[in-house]
Amino acid sequence: MKYLHINNGKAYYKTGENYVEIDRITREDLSSLLNLASNEDFEMDPYDERSLSNKAHQIIYLNLYNKLNNFISDKEQFKKQAESLYQAAISKYSVKVPEADLVEDEIRIEDIPF
């Protein structure tokens, strides 16, 4: 789905079901776009200075487009880093419970390490 859009010399962003001119963007809208950009289905019109006649729209769109594009291209690296961090914690704090003489779903008090 396209969340940043250029049409008739102006830039727009999608919020809910509507497109709003990009110079009206709020902090909450930026946060929402960032969350949406973490999904696979996030599209943006490429920045083209000639298609934007409004200078404010050019500046805002270019900066937002670049930031979101960098985030999208780096999100796989972020995911790998997060998984690596969690895996290290799981390895460090996991306890292996002996399986001998256990009935399924039964844990003996003496096997708990703390």
PDB file of N, CA and C in Angstrom:
ATOM      1  N   MET A   1       0.836  -1.165   0.000  1.00  0.00           N
ATOM      2  CA  MET A   1       0.000   0.000   0.000  1.00  0.00           C
ATOM      3  C   MET A   1       0.888   1.238   0.000  1.00  0.00           C
ATOM      4  N   LYS A   2       0.486   2.265  -0.750  1.00  0.00           N
ATOM      5  CA  LYS A   2       1.277   3.481  -0.881  1.00  0.00           C
ATOM      6  C   LYS A   2       0.931   4.459   0.241  1.00  0.00           C
ATOM      7  N   TYR A   3       1.959   4.818   1.034  1.00  0.00           N
ATOM      8  CA  TYR A   3       1.762   5.712   2.172  1.00  0.00           C
ATOM      9  C   TYR A   3       2.296   7.118   1.935  1.00  0.00           C
ATOM     10  N   LEU A   4       3.242   7.273   1.017  1.00  0.00           N
ATOM     11  CA  LEU A   4       3.699   8.602   0.608  1.00  0.00           C
ATOM     12  C   LEU A   4       3.426   8.721  -0.881  1.00  0.00           C
ATOM     13  N   HIS A   5       2.752   9.796  -1.247  1.00  0.00           N
ATOM     14  CA  HIS A   5       2.224   9.914  -2.595  1.00  0.00           C
ATOM     15  C   HIS A   5       2.441  11.331  -3.116  1.00  0.00           C
ATOM     16  N   ILE A   6       2.796  11.469  -4.390  1.00  0.00           N
ATOM     17  CA  ILE A   6       2.949  12.773  -5.039  1.00  0.00           C
ATOM     18  C   ILE A   6       1.884  12.873  -6.120  1.00  0.00           C
ATOM     19  N   ASN A   7       1.141  14.002  -6.094  1.00  0.00           N
ATOM     20  CA  ASN A   7       0.072  14.188  -7.073  1.00  0.00           C
ATOM     21  C   ASN A   7      -0.175  15.682  -7.277  1.00  0.00           C
ATOM     22  N   ASN A   8      -0.262  16.107  -8.523  1.00  0.00           N
ATOM     23  CA  ASN A   8      -0.566  17.507  -8.874  1.00  0.00           C
ATOM     24  C   ASN A   8       0.346  18.512  -8.180  1.00  0.00           C
ATOM     25  N   GLY A   9       1.633  18.224  -8.132  1.00  0.00           N
ATOM     26  CA  GLY A   9       2.602  19.159  -7.576  1.00  0.00           C
ATOM     27  C   GLY A   9       2.671  19.199  -6.062  1.00  0.00           C
ATOM     28  N   LYS A  10       1.917  18.316  -5.385  1.00  0.00           N
ATOM     29  CA  LYS A  10       1.918  18.284  -3.929  1.00  0.00           C
ATOM     30  C   LYS A  10       2.231  16.884  -3.420  1.00  0.00           C
ATOM     31  N   ALA A  11       2.753  16.829  -2.194  1.00  0.00           N
ATOM     32  CA  ALA A  11       3.061  15.546  -1.555  1.00  0.00           C
ATOM     33  C   ALA A  11       2.004  15.257  -0.500  1.00  0.00           C
ATOM     34  N   TYR A  12       1.671  13.975  -0.369  1.00  0.00           N
ATOM     35  CA  TYR A  12       0.652  13.540   0.582  1.00  0.00           C
ATOM     36  C   TYR A  12       1.151  12.326   1.349  1.00  0.00           C
ATOM     37  N   TYR A  13       0.618  12.145   2.547  1.00  0.00           N
ATOM     38  CA  TYR A  13       0.851  10.930   3.314  1.00  0.00           C
ATOM     39  C   TYR A  13      -0.496  10.332   3.661  1.00  0.00           C
ATOM     40  N   LYS A  14      -0.525   9.031   3.832  1.00  0.00           N
ATOM     41  CA  LYS A  14      -1.768   8.327   4.125  1.00  0.00           C
ATOM     42  C   LYS A  14      -1.937   8.207   5.627  1.00  0.00           C
ATOM     43  N   THR A  15      -3.110   8.599   6.087  1.00  0.00           N
ATOM     44  CA  THR A  15      -3.477   8.425   7.482  1.00  0.00           C
ATOM     45  C   THR A  15      -4.894   7.883   7.498  1.00  0.00           C
ATOM     46  N   GLY A  16      -5.047   6.691   8.024  1.00  0.00           N
ATOM     47  CA  GLY A  16      -6.351   6.035   7.978  1.00  0.00           C
ATOM     48  C   GLY A  16      -6.732   5.750   6.537  1.00  0.00           C
ATOM     49  N   GLU A  17      -7.869   6.257   6.107  1.00  0.00           N
ATOM     50  CA  GLU A  17      -8.337   6.056   4.732  1.00  0.00           C
ATOM     51  C   GLU A  17      -8.058   7.266   3.852  1.00  0.00           C
ATOM     52  N   ASN A  18      -7.483   8.330   4.402  1.00  0.00           N
ATOM     53  CA  ASN A  18      -7.319   9.586   3.677  1.00  0.00           C
ATOM     54  C   ASN A  18      -5.858   9.906   3.404  1.00  0.00           C
ATOM     55  N   TYR A  19      -5.656  10.705   2.347  1.00  0.00           N
ATOM     56  CA  TYR A  19      -4.350  11.293   2.083  1.00  0.00           C
ATOM     57  C   TYR A  19      -4.399  12.749   2.522  1.00  0.00           C
ATOM     58  N   VAL A  20      -3.376  13.167   3.269  1.00  0.00           N
ATOM     59  CA  VAL A  20      -3.303  14.520   3.809  1.00  0.00           C
ATOM     60  C   VAL A  20      -2.020  15.161   3.280  1.00  0.00           C
ATOM     61  N   GLU A  21      -2.086  16.482   2.997  1.00  0.00           N
ATOM     62  CA  GLU A  21      -0.883  17.170   2.529  1.00  0.00           C
ATOM     63  C   GLU A  21       0.229  17.026   3.556  1.00  0.00           C
ATOM     64  N   ILE A  22       1.415  16.791   3.052  1.00  0.00           N
ATOM     65  CA  ILE A  22       2.541  16.414   3.915  1.00  0.00           C
ATOM     66  C   ILE A  22       2.966  17.524   4.874  1.00  0.00           C
ATOM     67  N   ASP A  23       2.655  18.769   4.574  1.00  0.00           N
ATOM     68  CA  ASP A  23       3.034  19.850   5.487  1.00  0.00           C
ATOM     69  C   ASP A  23       2.123  19.914   6.718  1.00  0.00           C
ATOM     70  N   ARG A  24       1.128  19.044   6.784  1.00  0.00           N
ATOM     71  CA  ARG A  24       0.228  18.974   7.943  1.00  0.00           C
ATOM     72  C   ARG A  24       0.551  17.760   8.836  1.00  0.00           C
ATOM     73  N   ILE A  25       1.673  17.130   8.597  1.00  0.00           N
ATOM     74  CA  ILE A  25       2.030  15.911   9.328  1.00  0.00           C
ATOM     75  C   ILE A  25       2.327  16.238  10.792  1.00  0.00           C
ATOM     76  N   THR A  26       1.897  15.347  11.676  1.00  0.00           N
ATOM     77  CA  THR A  26       2.120  15.520  13.113  1.00  0.00           C
ATOM     78  C   THR A  26       3.112  14.483  13.617  1.00  0.00           C
ATOM     79  N   ARG A  27       3.518  14.637  14.847  1.00  0.00           N
ATOM     80  CA  ARG A  27       4.423  13.676  15.480  1.00  0.00           C
ATOM     81  C   ARG A  27       3.784  12.284  15.527  1.00  0.00           C
ATOM     82  N   GLU A  28       2.490  12.245  15.834  1.00  0.00           N
ATOM     83  CA  GLU A  28       1.770  10.971  15.896  1.00  0.00           C
ATOM     84  C   GLU A  28       1.709  10.314  14.513  1.00  0.00           C
ATOM     85  N   ASP A  29       1.527  11.141  13.483  1.00  0.00           N
ATOM     86  CA  ASP A  29       1.503  10.616  12.114  1.00  0.00           C
ATOM     87  C   ASP A  29       2.863  10.030  11.739  1.00  0.00           C
ATOM     88  N   LEU A  30       3.937  10.700  12.145  1.00  0.00           N
ATOM     89  CA  LEU A  30       5.285  10.188  11.876  1.00  0.00           C
ATOM     90  C   LEU A  30       5.496   8.847  12.560  1.00  0.00           C
ATOM     91  N   SER A  31       5.069   8.749  13.803  1.00  0.00           N
ATOM     92  CA  SER A  31       5.188   7.500  14.544  1.00  0.00           C
ATOM     93  C   SER A  31       4.387   6.394  13.865  1.00  0.00           C
ATOM     94  N   SER A  32       3.195   6.725  13.429  1.00  0.00           N
ATOM     95  CA  SER A  32       2.353   5.747  12.737  1.00  0.00           C
ATOM     96  C   SER A  32       2.995   5.285  11.436  1.00  0.00           C
ATOM     97  N   LEU A  33       3.562   6.216  10.675  1.00  0.00           N
ATOM     98  CA  LEU A  33       4.234   5.845   9.420  1.00  0.00           C
ATOM     99  C   LEU A  33       5.431   4.938   9.684  1.00  0.00           C
ATOM    100  N   LEU A  34       6.158   5.221  10.733  1.00  0.00           N
ATOM    101  CA  LEU A  34       7.307   4.385  11.085  1.00  0.00           C
ATOM    102  C   LEU A  34       6.852   2.969  11.431  1.00  0.00           C
ATOM    103  N   ASN A  35       5.787   2.854  12.197  1.00  0.00           N
ATOM    104  CA  ASN A  35       5.239   1.527  12.520  1.00  0.00           C
ATOM    105  C   ASN A  35       4.766   0.811  11.264  1.00  0.00           C
ATOM    106  N   LEU A  36       4.104   1.532  10.384  1.00  0.00           N
ATOM    107  CA  LEU A  36       3.623   0.928   9.141  1.00  0.00           C
ATOM    108  C   LEU A  36       4.786   0.520   8.238  1.00  0.00           C
ATOM    109  N   ALA A  37       5.875   1.274   8.277  1.00  0.00           N
ATOM    110  CA  ALA A  37       7.039   0.961   7.442  1.00  0.00           C
ATOM    111  C   ALA A  37       7.702  -0.342   7.854  1.00  0.00           C
ATOM    112  N   SER A  38       7.430  -0.802   9.058  1.00  0.00           N
ATOM    113  CA  SER A  38       8.005  -2.077   9.491  1.00  0.00           C
ATOM    114  C   SER A  38       7.274  -3.249   8.847  1.00  0.00           C
ATOM    115  N   ASN A  39       6.135  -3.008   8.210  1.00  0.00           N
ATOM    116  CA  ASN A  39       5.410  -4.048   7.471  1.00  0.00           C
ATOM    117  C   ASN A  39       6.013  -4.224   6.087  1.00  0.00           C
ATOM    118  N   GLU A  40       5.701  -5.346   5.471  1.00  0.00           N
ATOM    119  CA  GLU A  40       6.232  -5.647   4.144  1.00  0.00           C
ATOM    120  C   GLU A  40       5.574  -4.800   3.052  1.00  0.00           C
ATOM    121  N   ASP A  41       4.341  -4.362   3.252  1.00  0.00           N
ATOM    122  CA  ASP A  41       3.544  -3.727   2.214  1.00  0.00           C
ATOM    123  C   ASP A  41       3.554  -2.202   2.339  1.00  0.00           C
ATOM    124  N   PHE A  42       4.713  -1.595   2.410  1.00  0.00           N
ATOM    125  CA  PHE A  42       4.838  -0.140   2.567  1.00  0.00           C
ATOM    126  C   PHE A  42       5.483   0.411   1.307  1.00  0.00           C
ATOM    127  N   GLU A  43       4.756   1.247   0.593  1.00  0.00           N
ATOM    128  CA  GLU A  43       5.276   1.820  -0.651  1.00  0.00           C
ATOM    129  C   GLU A  43       5.260   3.337  -0.588  1.00  0.00           C
ATOM    130  N   MET A  44       6.184   3.942  -1.335  1.00  0.00           N
ATOM    131  CA  MET A  44       6.276   5.400  -1.422  1.00  0.00           C
ATOM    132  C   MET A  44       6.590   5.775  -2.856  1.00  0.00           C
ATOM    133  N   ASP A  45       6.034   6.890  -3.311  1.00  0.00           N
ATOM    134  CA  ASP A  45       6.455   7.416  -4.604  1.00  0.00           C
ATOM    135  C   ASP A  45       7.886   7.900  -4.450  1.00  0.00           C
ATOM    136  N   PRO A  46       8.736   7.618  -5.435  1.00  0.00           N
ATOM    137  CA  PRO A  46      10.112   8.109  -5.328  1.00  0.00           C
ATOM    138  C   PRO A  46      10.134   9.636  -5.370  1.00  0.00           C
ATOM    139  N   TYR A  47      11.102  10.204  -4.689  1.00  0.00           N
ATOM    140  CA  TYR A  47      11.226  11.660  -4.658  1.00  0.00           C
ATOM    141  C   TYR A  47      11.619  12.160  -6.041  1.00  0.00           C
ATOM    142  N   ASP A  48      10.900  13.184  -6.512  1.00  0.00           N
ATOM    143  CA  ASP A  48      11.213  13.829  -7.779  1.00  0.00           C
ATOM    144  C   ASP A  48      10.924  15.317  -7.612  1.00  0.00           C
ATOM    145  N   GLU A  49      11.965  16.091  -7.529  1.00  0.00           N
ATOM    146  CA  GLU A  49      11.835  17.528  -7.287  1.00  0.00           C
ATOM    147  C   GLU A  49      10.953  18.203  -8.334  1.00  0.00           C
ATOM    148  N   ARG A  50      11.038  17.751  -9.587  1.00  0.00           N
ATOM    149  CA  ARG A  50      10.257  18.374 -10.667  1.00  0.00           C
ATOM    150  C   ARG A  50       8.760  18.156 -10.504  1.00  0.00           C
ATOM    151  N   SER A  51       8.369  17.079  -9.850  1.00  0.00           N
ATOM    152  CA  SER A  51       6.933  16.796  -9.697  1.00  0.00           C
ATOM    153  C   SER A  51       6.330  17.495  -8.482  1.00  0.00           C
ATOM    154  N   LEU A  52       7.164  18.148  -7.675  1.00  0.00           N
ATOM    155  CA  LEU A  52       6.679  18.877  -6.500  1.00  0.00           C
ATOM    156  C   LEU A  52       6.937  20.370  -6.691  1.00  0.00           C
ATOM    157  N   SER A  53       5.885  21.132  -6.889  1.00  0.00           N
ATOM    158  CA  SER A  53       6.047  22.572  -7.107  1.00  0.00           C
ATOM    159  C   SER A  53       6.109  23.344  -5.790  1.00  0.00           C
ATOM    160  N   ASN A  54       5.616  22.774  -4.717  1.00  0.00           N
ATOM    161  CA  ASN A  54       5.618  23.413  -3.405  1.00  0.00           C
ATOM    162  C   ASN A  54       6.956  23.123  -2.716  1.00  0.00           C
ATOM    163  N   LYS A  55       7.718  24.187  -2.425  1.00  0.00           N
ATOM    164  CA  LYS A  55       9.057  24.022  -1.841  1.00  0.00           C
ATOM    165  C   LYS A  55       9.007  23.348  -0.470  1.00  0.00           C
ATOM    166  N   ALA A  56       8.028  23.699   0.356  1.00  0.00           N
ATOM    167  CA  ALA A  56       7.912  23.063   1.675  1.00  0.00           C
ATOM    168  C   ALA A  56       7.673  21.570   1.519  1.00  0.00           C
ATOM    169  N   HIS A  57       6.842  21.197   0.564  1.00  0.00           N
ATOM    170  CA  HIS A  57       6.568  19.784   0.312  1.00  0.00           C
ATOM    171  C   HIS A  57       7.831  19.076  -0.166  1.00  0.00           C
ATOM    172  N   GLN A  58       8.634  19.767  -0.987  1.00  0.00           N
ATOM    173  CA  GLN A  58       9.891  19.171  -1.456  1.00  0.00           C
ATOM    174  C   GLN A  58      10.795  18.822  -0.280  1.00  0.00           C
ATOM    175  N   ILE A  59      10.974  19.760   0.631  1.00  0.00           N
ATOM    176  CA  ILE A  59      11.888  19.563   1.764  1.00  0.00           C
ATOM    177  C   ILE A  59      11.371  18.461   2.685  1.00  0.00           C
ATOM    178  N   ILE A  60      10.097  18.546   3.051  1.00  0.00           N
ATOM    179  CA  ILE A  60       9.529  17.567   3.978  1.00  0.00           C
ATOM    180  C   ILE A  60       9.526  16.178   3.352  1.00  0.00           C
ATOM    181  N   TYR A  61       9.081  16.095   2.095  1.00  0.00           N
ATOM    182  CA  TYR A  61       8.983  14.787   1.433  1.00  0.00           C
ATOM    183  C   TYR A  61      10.359  14.150   1.284  1.00  0.00           C
ATOM    184  N   LEU A  62      11.343  14.936   0.840  1.00  0.00           N
ATOM    185  CA  LEU A  62      12.696  14.397   0.652  1.00  0.00           C
ATOM    186  C   LEU A  62      13.244  13.829   1.954  1.00  0.00           C
ATOM    187  N   ASN A  63      13.127  14.588   3.047  1.00  0.00           N
ATOM    188  CA  ASN A  63      13.643  14.110   4.330  1.00  0.00           C
ATOM    189  C   ASN A  63      12.895  12.887   4.829  1.00  0.00           C
ATOM    190  N   LEU A  64      11.578  12.923   4.752  1.00  0.00           N
ATOM    191  CA  LEU A  64      10.781  11.787   5.208  1.00  0.00           C
ATOM    192  C   LEU A  64      11.027  10.559   4.346  1.00  0.00           C
ATOM    193  N   TYR A  65      11.078  10.751   3.037  1.00  0.00           N
ATOM    194  CA  TYR A  65      11.336   9.646   2.115  1.00  0.00           C
ATOM    195  C   TYR A  65      12.689   8.994   2.418  1.00  0.00           C
ATOM    196  N   ASN A  66      13.719   9.805   2.598  1.00  0.00           N
ATOM    197  CA  ASN A  66      15.057   9.262   2.883  1.00  0.00           C
ATOM    198  C   ASN A  66      15.091   8.504   4.205  1.00  0.00           C
ATOM    199  N   LYS A  67      14.496   9.080   5.246  1.00  0.00           N
ATOM    200  CA  LYS A  67      14.498   8.419   6.561  1.00  0.00           C
ATOM    201  C   LYS A  67      13.744   7.096   6.514  1.00  0.00           C
ATOM    202  N   LEU A  68      12.562   7.101   5.915  1.00  0.00           N
ATOM    203  CA  LEU A  68      11.776   5.859   5.839  1.00  0.00           C
ATOM    204  C   LEU A  68      12.455   4.833   4.943  1.00  0.00           C
ATOM    205  N   ASN A  69      13.049   5.290   3.858  1.00  0.00           N
ATOM    206  CA  ASN A  69      13.743   4.377   2.952  1.00  0.00           C
ATOM    207  C   ASN A  69      14.933   3.722   3.656  1.00  0.00           C
ATOM    208  N   ASN A  70      15.682   4.497   4.440  1.00  0.00           N
ATOM    209  CA  ASN A  70      16.799   3.933   5.213  1.00  0.00           C
ATOM    210  C   ASN A  70      16.293   2.931   6.244  1.00  0.00           C
ATOM    211  N   PHE A  71      15.206   3.273   6.925  1.00  0.00           N
ATOM    212  CA  PHE A  71      14.630   2.367   7.915  1.00  0.00           C
ATOM    213  C   PHE A  71      14.206   1.054   7.273  1.00  0.00           C
ATOM    214  N   ILE A  72      13.529   1.136   6.133  1.00  0.00           N
ATOM    215  CA  ILE A  72      13.057  -0.066   5.439  1.00  0.00           C
ATOM    216  C   ILE A  72      14.233  -0.932   5.001  1.00  0.00           C
ATOM    217  N   SER A  73      15.279  -0.307   4.472  1.00  0.00           N
ATOM    218  CA  SER A  73      16.424  -1.094   4.016  1.00  0.00           C
ATOM    219  C   SER A  73      17.212  -1.702   5.176  1.00  0.00           C
ATOM    220  N   ASP A  74      17.159  -1.074   6.351  1.00  0.00           N
ATOM    221  CA  ASP A  74      17.892  -1.571   7.517  1.00  0.00           C
ATOM    222  C   ASP A  74      17.064  -2.462   8.434  1.00  0.00           C
ATOM    223  N   LYS A  75      15.765  -2.627   8.170  1.00  0.00           N
ATOM    224  CA  LYS A  75      14.925  -3.353   9.131  1.00  0.00           C
ATOM    225  C   LYS A  75      15.317  -4.817   9.265  1.00  0.00           C
ATOM    226  N   GLU A  76      15.835  -5.439   8.227  1.00  0.00           N
ATOM    227  CA  GLU A  76      16.302  -6.824   8.348  1.00  0.00           C
ATOM    228  C   GLU A  76      17.482  -6.900   9.305  1.00  0.00           C
ATOM    229  N   GLN A  77      18.369  -5.925   9.212  1.00  0.00           N
ATOM    230  CA  GLN A  77      19.508  -5.883  10.134  1.00  0.00           C
ATOM    231  C   GLN A  77      19.013  -5.677  11.567  1.00  0.00           C
ATOM    232  N   PHE A  78      18.010  -4.818  11.764  1.00  0.00           N
ATOM    233  CA  PHE A  78      17.440  -4.601  13.093  1.00  0.00           C
ATOM    234  C   PHE A  78      16.850  -5.892  13.639  1.00  0.00           C
ATOM    235  N   LYS A  79      16.130  -6.622  12.788  1.00  0.00           N
ATOM    236  CA  LYS A  79      15.516  -7.883  13.219  1.00  0.00           C
ATOM    237  C   LYS A  79      16.584  -8.884  13.641  1.00  0.00           C
ATOM    238  N   LYS A  80      17.657  -8.991  12.854  1.00  0.00           N
ATOM    239  CA  LYS A  80      18.732  -9.924  13.175  1.00  0.00           C
ATOM    240  C   LYS A  80      19.411  -9.545  14.485  1.00  0.00           C
ATOM    241  N   GLN A  81      19.624  -8.252  14.704  1.00  0.00           N
ATOM    242  CA  GLN A  81      20.240  -7.801  15.949  1.00  0.00           C
ATOM    243  C   GLN A  81      19.350  -8.123  17.142  1.00  0.00           C
ATOM    244  N   ALA A  82      18.050  -7.897  16.992  1.00  0.00           N
ATOM    245  CA  ALA A  82      17.114  -8.178  18.087  1.00  0.00           C
ATOM    246  C   ALA A  82      17.080  -9.673  18.383  1.00  0.00           C
ATOM    247  N   GLU A  83      17.010 -10.494  17.334  1.00  0.00           N
ATOM    248  CA  GLU A  83      17.000 -11.945  17.531  1.00  0.00           C
ATOM    249  C   GLU A  83      18.294 -12.404  18.193  1.00  0.00           C
ATOM    250  N   SER A  84      19.403 -11.852  17.790  1.00  0.00           N
ATOM    251  CA  SER A  84      20.693 -12.201  18.373  1.00  0.00           C
ATOM    252  C   SER A  84      20.735 -11.823  19.851  1.00  0.00           C
ATOM    253  N   LEU A  85      20.211 -10.655  20.170  1.00  0.00           N
ATOM    254  CA  LEU A  85      20.176 -10.209  21.556  1.00  0.00           C
ATOM    255  C   LEU A  85      19.329 -11.137  22.403  1.00  0.00           C
ATOM    256  N   TYR A  86      18.145 -11.505  21.903  1.00  0.00           N
ATOM    257  CA  TYR A  86      17.265 -12.411  22.641  1.00  0.00           C
ATOM    258  C   TYR A  86      17.871 -13.803  22.750  1.00  0.00           C
ATOM    259  N   GLN A  87      18.531 -14.253  21.684  1.00  0.00           N
ATOM    260  CA  GLN A  87      19.132 -15.577  21.710  1.00  0.00           C
ATOM    261  C   GLN A  87      20.236 -15.643  22.754  1.00  0.00           C
ATOM    262  N   ALA A  88      21.014 -14.581  22.867  1.00  0.00           N
ATOM    263  CA  ALA A  88      22.077 -14.550  23.877  1.00  0.00           C
ATOM    264  C   ALA A  88      21.478 -14.620  25.282  1.00  0.00           C
ATOM    265  N   ALA A  89      20.399 -13.895  25.515  1.00  0.00           N
ATOM    266  CA  ALA A  89      19.744 -13.917  26.828  1.00  0.00           C
ATOM    267  C   ALA A  89      19.127 -15.277  27.109  1.00  0.00           C
ATOM    268  N   ILE A  90      18.501 -15.871  26.115  1.00  0.00           N
ATOM    269  CA  ILE A  90      17.900 -17.194  26.289  1.00  0.00           C
ATOM    270  C   ILE A  90      18.976 -18.217  26.623  1.00  0.00           C
ATOM    271  N   SER A  91      20.082 -18.158  25.905  1.00  0.00           N
ATOM    272  CA  SER A  91      21.177 -19.096  26.173  1.00  0.00           C
ATOM    273  C   SER A  91      21.755 -18.896  27.569  1.00  0.00           C
ATOM    274  N   LYS A  92      21.879 -17.661  27.976  1.00  0.00           N
ATOM    275  CA  LYS A  92      22.488 -17.355  29.268  1.00  0.00           C
ATOM    276  C   LYS A  92      21.596 -17.773  30.432  1.00  0.00           C
ATOM    277  N   TYR A  93      20.287 -17.566  30.298  1.00  0.00           N
ATOM    278  CA  TYR A  93      19.396 -17.776  31.429  1.00  0.00           C
ATOM    279  C   TYR A  93      18.541 -19.040  31.341  1.00  0.00           C
ATOM    280  N   SER A  94      18.702 -19.821  30.303  1.00  0.00           N
ATOM    281  CA  SER A  94      17.926 -21.056  30.189  1.00  0.00           C
ATOM    282  C   SER A  94      18.515 -22.141  31.077  1.00  0.00           C
ATOM    283  N   VAL A  95      17.649 -22.997  31.550  1.00  0.00           N
ATOM    284  CA  VAL A  95      18.072 -24.119  32.376  1.00  0.00           C
ATOM    285  C   VAL A  95      17.558 -25.387  31.714  1.00  0.00           C
ATOM    286  N   LYS A  96      18.424 -26.353  31.606  1.00  0.00           N
ATOM    287  CA  LYS A  96      18.021 -27.613  31.024  1.00  0.00           C
ATOM    288  C   LYS A  96      17.516 -28.516  32.144  1.00  0.00           C
ATOM    289  N   VAL A  97      16.264 -28.922  32.020  1.00  0.00           N
ATOM    290  CA  VAL A  97      15.650 -29.792  33.019  1.00  0.00           C
ATOM    291  C   VAL A  97      15.906 -31.235  32.583  1.00  0.00           C
ATOM    292  N   PRO A  98      16.398 -32.070  33.484  1.00  0.00           N
ATOM    293  CA  PRO A  98      16.641 -33.469  33.125  1.00  0.00           C
ATOM    294  C   PRO A  98      15.337 -34.145  32.713  1.00  0.00           C
ATOM    295  N   GLU A  99      15.406 -34.945  31.654  1.00  0.00           N
ATOM    296  CA  GLU A  99      14.200 -35.572  31.124  1.00  0.00           C
ATOM    297  C   GLU A  99      13.931 -36.946  31.719  1.00  0.00           C
ATOM    298  N   ALA A 100      14.897 -37.549  32.342  1.00  0.00           N
ATOM    299  CA  ALA A 100      14.729 -38.903  32.885  1.00  0.00           C
ATOM    300  C   ALA A 100      13.681 -38.924  33.978  1.00  0.00           C
ATOM    301  N   ASP A 101      12.873 -39.933  33.992  1.00  0.00           N
ATOM    302  CA  ASP A 101      11.866 -40.177  35.009  1.00  0.00           C
ATOM    303  C   ASP A 101      10.792 -39.092  35.090  1.00  0.00           C
ATOM    304  N   LEU A 102      10.619 -38.326  34.037  1.00  0.00           N
ATOM    305  CA  LEU A 102       9.581 -37.295  34.048  1.00  0.00           C
ATOM    306  C   LEU A 102       8.387 -37.742  33.218  1.00  0.00           C
ATOM    307  N   VAL A 103       7.255 -37.535  33.771  1.00  0.00           N
ATOM    308  CA  VAL A 103       6.031 -37.722  33.011  1.00  0.00           C
ATOM    309  C   VAL A 103       5.819 -36.407  32.264  1.00  0.00           C
ATOM    310  N   GLU A 104       5.242 -36.463  31.071  1.00  0.00           N
ATOM    311  CA  GLU A 104       5.045 -35.259  30.289  1.00  0.00           C
ATOM    312  C   GLU A 104       4.354 -34.179  31.120  1.00  0.00           C
ATOM    313  N   ASP A 105       4.854 -32.958  31.026  1.00  0.00           N
ATOM    314  CA  ASP A 105       4.329 -31.786  31.739  1.00  0.00           C
ATOM    315  C   ASP A 105       4.495 -31.879  33.252  1.00  0.00           C
ATOM    316  N   GLU A 106       5.348 -32.769  33.740  1.00  0.00           N
ATOM    317  CA  GLU A 106       5.560 -32.870  35.184  1.00  0.00           C
ATOM    318  C   GLU A 106       6.945 -32.336  35.510  1.00  0.00           C
ATOM    319  N   ILE A 107       6.997 -31.426  36.445  1.00  0.00           N
ATOM    320  CA  ILE A 107       8.275 -30.876  36.896  1.00  0.00           C
ATOM    321  C   ILE A 107       8.373 -31.115  38.390  1.00  0.00           C
ATOM    322  N   ARG A 108       9.526 -31.675  38.801  1.00  0.00           N
ATOM    323  CA  ARG A 108       9.729 -31.938  40.225  1.00  0.00           C
ATOM    324  C   ARG A 108      10.367 -30.721  40.865  1.00  0.00           C
ATOM    325  N   ILE A 109      10.001 -30.431  42.079  1.00  0.00           N
ATOM    326  CA  ILE A 109      10.504 -29.277  42.809  1.00  0.00           C
ATOM    327  C   ILE A 109      12.020 -29.338  42.927  1.00  0.00           C
ATOM    328  N   GLU A 110      12.593 -30.499  43.139  1.00  0.00           N
ATOM    329  CA  GLU A 110      14.047 -30.605  43.318  1.00  0.00           C
ATOM    330  C   GLU A 110      14.804 -30.312  42.019  1.00  0.00           C
ATOM    331  N   ASP A 111      14.119 -30.340  40.850  1.00  0.00           N
ATOM    332  CA  ASP A 111      14.778 -30.031  39.587  1.00  0.00           C
ATOM    333  C   ASP A 111      14.836 -28.529  39.274  1.00  0.00           C
ATOM    334  N   ILE A 112      14.141 -27.747  40.031  1.00  0.00           N
ATOM    335  CA  ILE A 112      14.128 -26.301  39.791  1.00  0.00           C
ATOM    336  C   ILE A 112      15.409 -25.729  40.395  1.00  0.00           C
ATOM    337  N   PRO A 113      16.218 -25.029  39.601  1.00  0.00           N
ATOM    338  CA  PRO A 113      17.554 -24.616  40.039  1.00  0.00           C
ATOM    339  C   PRO A 113      17.606 -23.433  40.992  1.00  0.00           C
ATOM    340  N   PHE A 114      16.506 -22.889  41.400  1.00  0.00           N
ATOM    341  CA  PHE A 114      16.559 -21.735  42.314  1.00  0.00           C
ATOM    342  C   PHE A 114      15.671 -21.944  43.504  1.00  0.00           C
TER     343      PHE A 114
END
